[in-house]
Amino acid sequence: MNISVDLTLSPLSNDYEQHVIDFIKALRASDFKVLENPLSTQIFGEFDQLMPFLNEKIKASFENQDMCVLTIKVVKTDRSDYEPSF
């Protein structure tokens, strides 16, 4: 089953920007399709491959920070080719 995952990483520290950059670069280094906008990052793939990958990258990111919030939305479909029709 293909999924779309929307992620917003919000480190609660003064050096938040580097943590966000490192997290996005880790996602980009994968074979998954990654799209970014100013508010969040989306990643698309097959559920059984993508979720363990995200688990690993989220854990690594959390281990490098004292406090952090990660907002995740998971959609049960591949929305990587979405274009507004209005």
N, C-alpha and C. Protein backbone atom coordinates (compact mmCIF):
# COMPACT_ATOMS: atom_id res chain seq x y z
N MET A 1 0.84 -1.18 0.00
CA MET A 1 0.00 0.00 0.00
C MET A 1 0.89 1.24 0.00
N ASN A 2 0.60 2.16 -0.89
CA ASN A 2 1.35 3.41 -0.97
C ASN A 2 0.76 4.44 -0.02
N ILE A 3 1.66 5.25 0.56
CA ILE A 3 1.23 6.30 1.48
C ILE A 3 1.94 7.60 1.16
N SER A 4 1.36 8.68 1.65
CA SER A 4 1.94 10.01 1.61
C SER A 4 2.08 10.47 3.05
N VAL A 5 3.23 11.00 3.41
CA VAL A 5 3.48 11.43 4.79
C VAL A 5 3.91 12.89 4.78
N ASP A 6 3.23 13.69 5.57
CA ASP A 6 3.54 15.11 5.72
C ASP A 6 4.19 15.30 7.08
N LEU A 7 5.39 15.88 7.09
CA LEU A 7 6.18 16.02 8.33
C LEU A 7 6.52 17.48 8.58
N THR A 8 6.36 17.91 9.82
CA THR A 8 6.81 19.23 10.23
C THR A 8 7.63 19.06 11.50
N LEU A 9 8.94 19.28 11.39
CA LEU A 9 9.85 19.16 12.52
C LEU A 9 10.02 20.54 13.16
N SER A 10 9.79 20.62 14.46
CA SER A 10 9.89 21.89 15.19
C SER A 10 10.78 21.73 16.41
N PRO A 11 12.10 21.85 16.23
CA PRO A 11 13.00 21.80 17.38
C PRO A 11 12.76 23.00 18.29
N LEU A 12 12.76 22.76 19.58
CA LEU A 12 12.53 23.83 20.55
C LEU A 12 13.87 24.29 21.13
N SER A 13 14.67 24.89 20.23
CA SER A 13 15.98 25.38 20.63
C SER A 13 16.39 26.54 19.72
N ASN A 14 17.39 27.27 20.14
CA ASN A 14 17.84 28.42 19.36
C ASN A 14 18.50 28.01 18.04
N ASP A 15 19.09 26.82 18.01
CA ASP A 15 19.75 26.35 16.80
C ASP A 15 18.84 25.42 15.99
N TYR A 16 17.56 25.72 15.99
CA TYR A 16 16.55 24.87 15.35
C TYR A 16 16.81 24.66 13.87
N GLU A 17 17.29 25.69 13.18
CA GLU A 17 17.41 25.63 11.73
C GLU A 17 18.31 24.49 11.26
N GLN A 18 19.44 24.29 11.91
CA GLN A 18 20.36 23.23 11.49
C GLN A 18 19.74 21.85 11.69
N HIS A 19 18.97 21.68 12.76
CA HIS A 19 18.30 20.39 12.99
C HIS A 19 17.29 20.09 11.87
N VAL A 20 16.56 21.11 11.45
CA VAL A 20 15.59 20.93 10.37
C VAL A 20 16.31 20.60 9.07
N ILE A 21 17.36 21.31 8.78
CA ILE A 21 18.15 21.06 7.56
C ILE A 21 18.70 19.63 7.56
N ASP A 22 19.25 19.21 8.67
CA ASP A 22 19.81 17.86 8.77
C ASP A 22 18.74 16.79 8.54
N PHE A 23 17.56 17.01 9.11
CA PHE A 23 16.46 16.06 8.96
C PHE A 23 16.01 15.98 7.50
N ILE A 24 15.84 17.12 6.86
CA ILE A 24 15.43 17.13 5.45
C ILE A 24 16.48 16.49 4.57
N LYS A 25 17.75 16.76 4.82
CA LYS A 25 18.82 16.13 4.03
C LYS A 25 18.82 14.62 4.19
N ALA A 26 18.51 14.13 5.38
CA ALA A 26 18.42 12.68 5.60
C ALA A 26 17.28 12.08 4.79
N LEU A 27 16.16 12.80 4.70
CA LEU A 27 15.04 12.32 3.89
C LEU A 27 15.39 12.36 2.41
N ARG A 28 16.03 13.42 1.98
CA ARG A 28 16.42 13.56 0.57
C ARG A 28 17.38 12.46 0.12
N ALA A 29 18.21 11.97 1.03
CA ALA A 29 19.23 10.97 0.69
C ALA A 29 18.62 9.58 0.44
N SER A 30 17.33 9.45 0.61
CA SER A 30 16.66 8.16 0.41
C SER A 30 16.27 7.99 -1.06
N ASP A 31 15.72 6.82 -1.36
CA ASP A 31 15.18 6.56 -2.70
C ASP A 31 13.71 6.96 -2.81
N PHE A 32 13.15 7.49 -1.72
CA PHE A 32 11.74 7.90 -1.73
C PHE A 32 11.61 9.27 -2.39
N LYS A 33 10.42 9.54 -2.92
CA LYS A 33 10.15 10.87 -3.48
C LYS A 33 9.90 11.83 -2.32
N VAL A 34 10.60 12.95 -2.32
CA VAL A 34 10.49 13.96 -1.26
C VAL A 34 10.15 15.30 -1.90
N LEU A 35 9.11 15.94 -1.39
CA LEU A 35 8.72 17.28 -1.82
C LEU A 35 8.74 18.20 -0.60
N GLU A 36 9.14 19.43 -0.81
CA GLU A 36 9.24 20.38 0.30
C GLU A 36 8.47 21.66 -0.03
N ASN A 37 7.98 22.29 1.01
CA ASN A 37 7.43 23.63 0.90
C ASN A 37 7.86 24.38 2.17
N PRO A 38 7.55 25.65 2.29
CA PRO A 38 8.02 26.41 3.45
C PRO A 38 7.48 25.92 4.80
N LEU A 39 6.40 25.15 4.80
CA LEU A 39 5.78 24.74 6.07
C LEU A 39 6.02 23.29 6.45
N SER A 40 6.29 22.44 5.47
CA SER A 40 6.46 21.01 5.78
C SER A 40 7.19 20.31 4.66
N THR A 41 7.47 19.05 4.92
CA THR A 41 8.11 18.17 3.94
C THR A 41 7.22 16.96 3.75
N GLN A 42 7.05 16.55 2.51
CA GLN A 42 6.27 15.37 2.22
C GLN A 42 7.19 14.29 1.65
N ILE A 43 6.89 13.05 2.03
CA ILE A 43 7.64 11.91 1.52
C ILE A 43 6.63 10.83 1.14
N PHE A 44 6.91 10.13 0.06
CA PHE A 44 5.95 9.21 -0.53
C PHE A 44 6.60 7.85 -0.77
N GLY A 45 5.86 6.79 -0.49
CA GLY A 45 6.40 5.46 -0.74
C GLY A 45 5.49 4.36 -0.27
N GLU A 46 6.01 3.16 -0.33
CA GLU A 46 5.28 1.98 0.08
C GLU A 46 5.35 1.87 1.61
N PHE A 47 4.22 1.64 2.25
CA PHE A 47 4.09 1.68 3.71
C PHE A 47 5.16 0.86 4.42
N ASP A 48 5.32 -0.41 4.04
CA ASP A 48 6.24 -1.30 4.76
C ASP A 48 7.70 -0.92 4.59
N GLN A 49 8.03 -0.11 3.60
CA GLN A 49 9.40 0.37 3.42
C GLN A 49 9.59 1.75 4.03
N LEU A 50 8.58 2.61 3.84
CA LEU A 50 8.71 4.00 4.28
C LEU A 50 8.65 4.16 5.80
N MET A 51 7.74 3.46 6.46
CA MET A 51 7.58 3.65 7.91
C MET A 51 8.83 3.25 8.71
N PRO A 52 9.49 2.12 8.43
CA PRO A 52 10.73 1.82 9.16
C PRO A 52 11.83 2.85 8.88
N PHE A 53 11.90 3.33 7.64
CA PHE A 53 12.86 4.38 7.29
C PHE A 53 12.61 5.63 8.12
N LEU A 54 11.33 6.07 8.17
CA LEU A 54 10.99 7.26 8.96
C LEU A 54 11.28 7.05 10.44
N ASN A 55 10.97 5.89 10.95
CA ASN A 55 11.24 5.58 12.35
C ASN A 55 12.73 5.78 12.67
N GLU A 56 13.57 5.30 11.80
CA GLU A 56 15.03 5.44 11.99
C GLU A 56 15.47 6.90 11.94
N LYS A 57 14.98 7.65 10.96
CA LYS A 57 15.39 9.05 10.78
C LYS A 57 14.83 9.95 11.88
N ILE A 58 13.60 9.68 12.31
CA ILE A 58 13.01 10.46 13.39
C ILE A 58 13.78 10.21 14.69
N LYS A 59 14.07 8.97 14.97
CA LYS A 59 14.82 8.64 16.19
C LYS A 59 16.19 9.31 16.19
N ALA A 60 16.89 9.26 15.06
CA ALA A 60 18.21 9.90 14.96
C ALA A 60 18.10 11.40 15.19
N SER A 61 17.07 12.02 14.62
CA SER A 61 16.87 13.46 14.80
C SER A 61 16.59 13.79 16.26
N PHE A 62 15.72 13.02 16.89
CA PHE A 62 15.38 13.26 18.29
C PHE A 62 16.59 13.07 19.21
N GLU A 63 17.45 12.13 18.89
CA GLU A 63 18.63 11.89 19.72
C GLU A 63 19.61 13.06 19.70
N ASN A 64 19.53 13.91 18.67
CA ASN A 64 20.43 15.06 18.55
C ASN A 64 19.84 16.35 19.09
N GLN A 65 18.68 16.27 19.77
CA GLN A 65 18.03 17.46 20.29
C GLN A 65 17.53 17.23 21.71
N ASP A 66 17.45 18.32 22.47
CA ASP A 66 16.91 18.20 23.82
C ASP A 66 15.38 18.13 23.82
N MET A 67 14.76 19.03 23.05
CA MET A 67 13.29 19.06 22.96
C MET A 67 12.88 19.33 21.52
N CYS A 68 11.86 18.61 21.08
CA CYS A 68 11.44 18.73 19.69
C CYS A 68 10.00 18.26 19.54
N VAL A 69 9.29 18.88 18.62
CA VAL A 69 7.93 18.45 18.26
C VAL A 69 7.97 18.03 16.80
N LEU A 70 7.37 16.89 16.50
CA LEU A 70 7.24 16.44 15.13
C LEU A 70 5.77 16.17 14.85
N THR A 71 5.22 16.89 13.89
CA THR A 71 3.83 16.68 13.49
C THR A 71 3.84 15.83 12.23
N ILE A 72 3.05 14.75 12.27
CA ILE A 72 3.00 13.81 11.14
C ILE A 72 1.56 13.61 10.71
N LYS A 73 1.35 13.66 9.40
CA LYS A 73 0.07 13.27 8.81
C LYS A 73 0.36 12.16 7.82
N VAL A 74 -0.41 11.10 7.88
CA VAL A 74 -0.24 9.97 6.97
C VAL A 74 -1.53 9.79 6.18
N VAL A 75 -1.41 9.75 4.87
CA VAL A 75 -2.56 9.56 3.99
C VAL A 75 -2.38 8.23 3.26
N LYS A 76 -3.42 7.44 3.23
CA LYS A 76 -3.36 6.13 2.59
C LYS A 76 -3.57 6.26 1.09
N THR A 77 -2.63 6.86 0.41
CA THR A 77 -2.58 6.95 -1.04
C THR A 77 -1.33 7.75 -1.41
N ASP A 78 -0.88 7.61 -2.62
CA ASP A 78 0.26 8.39 -3.10
C ASP A 78 -0.27 9.67 -3.71
N ARG A 79 -0.04 10.80 -3.03
CA ARG A 79 -0.53 12.10 -3.50
C ARG A 79 0.59 12.93 -4.12
N SER A 80 1.70 12.29 -4.50
CA SER A 80 2.86 13.03 -4.99
C SER A 80 2.60 13.75 -6.31
N ASP A 81 1.59 13.33 -7.04
CA ASP A 81 1.31 13.97 -8.32
C ASP A 81 0.10 14.91 -8.27
N TYR A 82 -0.31 15.29 -7.05
CA TYR A 82 -1.47 16.17 -6.88
C TYR A 82 -1.24 17.54 -7.51
N GLU A 83 -2.22 17.99 -8.27
CA GLU A 83 -2.23 19.34 -8.80
C GLU A 83 -3.65 19.88 -8.61
N PRO A 84 -3.78 21.09 -8.08
CA PRO A 84 -5.11 21.67 -7.88
C PRO A 84 -5.87 21.79 -9.20
N SER A 85 -7.16 21.58 -9.13
CA SER A 85 -7.99 21.68 -10.33
C SER A 85 -8.84 22.96 -10.33
N PHE A 86 -8.45 23.91 -9.54
CA PHE A 86 -9.22 25.16 -9.48
C PHE A 86 -8.32 26.35 -9.70
